Amino acid sequence: MKTVNMHDAKTNLSRLVAAAAAGEPFIIARAGKPLVKVEALEQLEAPPSRLGMLKGKILVPDDFDTMFEDEIAEMFNG
């Protein structure tokens, strides 16, 4: 496993994190003493899509965008 010092880790953090995400963990050391291990997190499966789950269960009127237009205008304009 690769060990990098603190300064190199700060300088090359993006590259090191990309490598760790690709399965190459590394250790960050200070004054030659290992401090932390950086490795990719386990990827969790995305929950099933909920898109369209109410299809056929609710009815949206054709005039939905203009419903109560006059009443709303009256509330704002008096």
C-alpha atoms as a PDB file:
ATOM      1  CA  MET A   1       0.000   0.000   0.000  1.00  0.00           C
ATOM      2  CA  LYS A   2       1.296   3.434  -0.937  1.00  0.00           C
ATOM      3  CA  THR A   3       2.335   5.824   1.845  1.00  0.00           C
ATOM      4  CA  VAL A   4       2.511   9.587   1.233  1.00  0.00           C
ATOM      5  CA  ASN A   5       3.597  12.357   3.554  1.00  0.00           C
ATOM      6  CA  MET A   6       1.218  15.094   4.627  1.00  0.00           C
ATOM      7  CA  HIS A   7       2.643  17.721   2.255  1.00  0.00           C
ATOM      8  CA  ASP A   8       2.413  15.414  -0.776  1.00  0.00           C
ATOM      9  CA  ALA A   9      -1.111  14.431   0.202  1.00  0.00           C
ATOM     10  CA  LYS A  10      -2.199  18.083   0.309  1.00  0.00           C
ATOM     11  CA  THR A  11      -0.480  18.828  -2.977  1.00  0.00           C
ATOM     12  CA  ASN A  12      -1.900  15.815  -4.828  1.00  0.00           C
ATOM     13  CA  LEU A  13      -5.170  15.257  -2.987  1.00  0.00           C
ATOM     14  CA  SER A  14      -7.426  15.103  -6.068  1.00  0.00           C
ATOM     15  CA  ARG A  15      -5.218  12.568  -7.806  1.00  0.00           C
ATOM     16  CA  LEU A  16      -4.834  10.471  -4.653  1.00  0.00           C
ATOM     17  CA  VAL A  17      -8.564  10.447  -3.945  1.00  0.00           C
ATOM     18  CA  ALA A  18      -9.304   9.440  -7.536  1.00  0.00           C
ATOM     19  CA  ALA A  19      -6.855   6.554  -7.200  1.00  0.00           C
ATOM     20  CA  ALA A  20      -8.386   5.506  -3.866  1.00  0.00           C
ATOM     21  CA  ALA A  21     -11.868   5.577  -5.411  1.00  0.00           C
ATOM     22  CA  ALA A  22     -10.527   3.313  -8.161  1.00  0.00           C
ATOM     23  CA  GLY A  23      -9.415   0.767  -5.556  1.00  0.00           C
ATOM     24  CA  GLU A  24      -5.912   1.939  -4.637  1.00  0.00           C
ATOM     25  CA  PRO A  25      -6.032   2.921  -0.941  1.00  0.00           C
ATOM     26  CA  PHE A  26      -3.140   4.883   0.560  1.00  0.00           C
ATOM     27  CA  ILE A  27      -1.771   5.936   3.923  1.00  0.00           C
ATOM     28  CA  ILE A  28      -1.003   9.514   4.960  1.00  0.00           C
ATOM     29  CA  ALA A  29       1.993   9.852   7.277  1.00  0.00           C
ATOM     30  CA  ARG A  30       3.484  12.725   9.276  1.00  0.00           C
ATOM     31  CA  ALA A  31       7.197  12.602  10.030  1.00  0.00           C
ATOM     32  CA  GLY A  32       7.229   9.047   8.727  1.00  0.00           C
ATOM     33  CA  LYS A  33       4.547   7.842  11.155  1.00  0.00           C
ATOM     34  CA  PRO A  34       1.324   6.524   9.558  1.00  0.00           C
ATOM     35  CA  LEU A  35      -1.718   8.542  10.620  1.00  0.00           C
ATOM     36  CA  VAL A  36      -4.676   7.632   8.435  1.00  0.00           C
ATOM     37  CA  LYS A  37      -5.688   5.178   5.765  1.00  0.00           C
ATOM     38  CA  VAL A  38      -7.730   6.516   2.858  1.00  0.00           C
ATOM     39  CA  GLU A  39      -9.849   4.042   0.938  1.00  0.00           C
ATOM     40  CA  ALA A  40     -13.015   4.074  -1.143  1.00  0.00           C
ATOM     41  CA  LEU A  41     -16.363   3.717   0.587  1.00  0.00           C
ATOM     42  CA  GLU A  42     -18.489   0.724  -0.224  1.00  0.00           C
ATOM     43  CA  GLN A  43     -21.000   1.719  -2.864  1.00  0.00           C
ATOM     44  CA  LEU A  44     -24.580   1.234  -1.758  1.00  0.00           C
ATOM     45  CA  GLU A  45     -27.275   0.262  -4.216  1.00  0.00           C
ATOM     46  CA  ALA A  46     -29.552   3.130  -5.170  1.00  0.00           C
ATOM     47  CA  PRO A  47     -33.120   2.735  -3.975  1.00  0.00           C
ATOM     48  CA  PRO A  48     -35.569   1.765  -6.704  1.00  0.00           C
ATOM     49  CA  SER A  49     -36.902   4.668  -8.718  1.00  0.00           C
ATOM     50  CA  ARG A  50     -40.133   6.158  -7.476  1.00  0.00           C
ATOM     51  CA  LEU A  51     -40.734   8.043 -10.712  1.00  0.00           C
ATOM     52  CA  GLY A  52     -44.252   7.369 -11.953  1.00  0.00           C
ATOM     53  CA  MET A  53     -45.399   5.537  -8.829  1.00  0.00           C
ATOM     54  CA  LEU A  54     -48.734   7.413  -8.805  1.00  0.00           C
ATOM     55  CA  LYS A  55     -49.410   6.983 -12.518  1.00  0.00           C
ATOM     56  CA  GLY A  56     -53.059   6.104 -12.983  1.00  0.00           C
ATOM     57  CA  LYS A  57     -53.867   6.779  -9.328  1.00  0.00           C
ATOM     58  CA  ILE A  58     -54.453  10.531  -9.489  1.00  0.00           C
ATOM     59  CA  LEU A  59     -56.054  12.779 -12.057  1.00  0.00           C
ATOM     60  CA  VAL A  60     -54.571  16.147 -12.988  1.00  0.00           C
ATOM     61  CA  PRO A  61     -57.157  18.422 -14.621  1.00  0.00           C
ATOM     62  CA  ASP A  62     -56.371  19.881 -18.051  1.00  0.00           C
ATOM     63  CA  ASP A  63     -56.675  23.418 -16.658  1.00  0.00           C
ATOM     64  CA  PHE A  64     -54.288  22.740 -13.752  1.00  0.00           C
ATOM     65  CA  ASP A  65     -51.965  25.641 -14.684  1.00  0.00           C
ATOM     66  CA  THR A  66     -54.827  28.154 -14.744  1.00  0.00           C
ATOM     67  CA  MET A  67     -57.027  26.807 -11.934  1.00  0.00           C
ATOM     68  CA  PHE A  68     -58.278  29.489  -9.564  1.00  0.00           C
ATOM     69  CA  GLU A  69     -56.485  32.141 -11.634  1.00  0.00           C
ATOM     70  CA  ASP A  70     -59.190  34.759 -10.977  1.00  0.00           C
ATOM     71  CA  GLU A  71     -59.391  34.032  -7.256  1.00  0.00           C
ATOM     72  CA  ILE A  72     -55.622  34.282  -6.849  1.00  0.00           C
ATOM     73  CA  ALA A  73     -55.480  37.534  -8.807  1.00  0.00           C
ATOM     74  CA  GLU A  74     -58.244  38.900  -6.609  1.00  0.00           C
ATOM     75  CA  MET A  75     -56.277  38.007  -3.443  1.00  0.00           C
ATOM     76  CA  PHE A  76     -53.205  39.873  -4.697  1.00  0.00           C
ATOM     77  CA  ASN A  77     -54.858  42.807  -6.401  1.00  0.00           C
ATOM     78  CA  GLY A  78     -57.806  43.309  -4.125  1.00  0.00           C
END
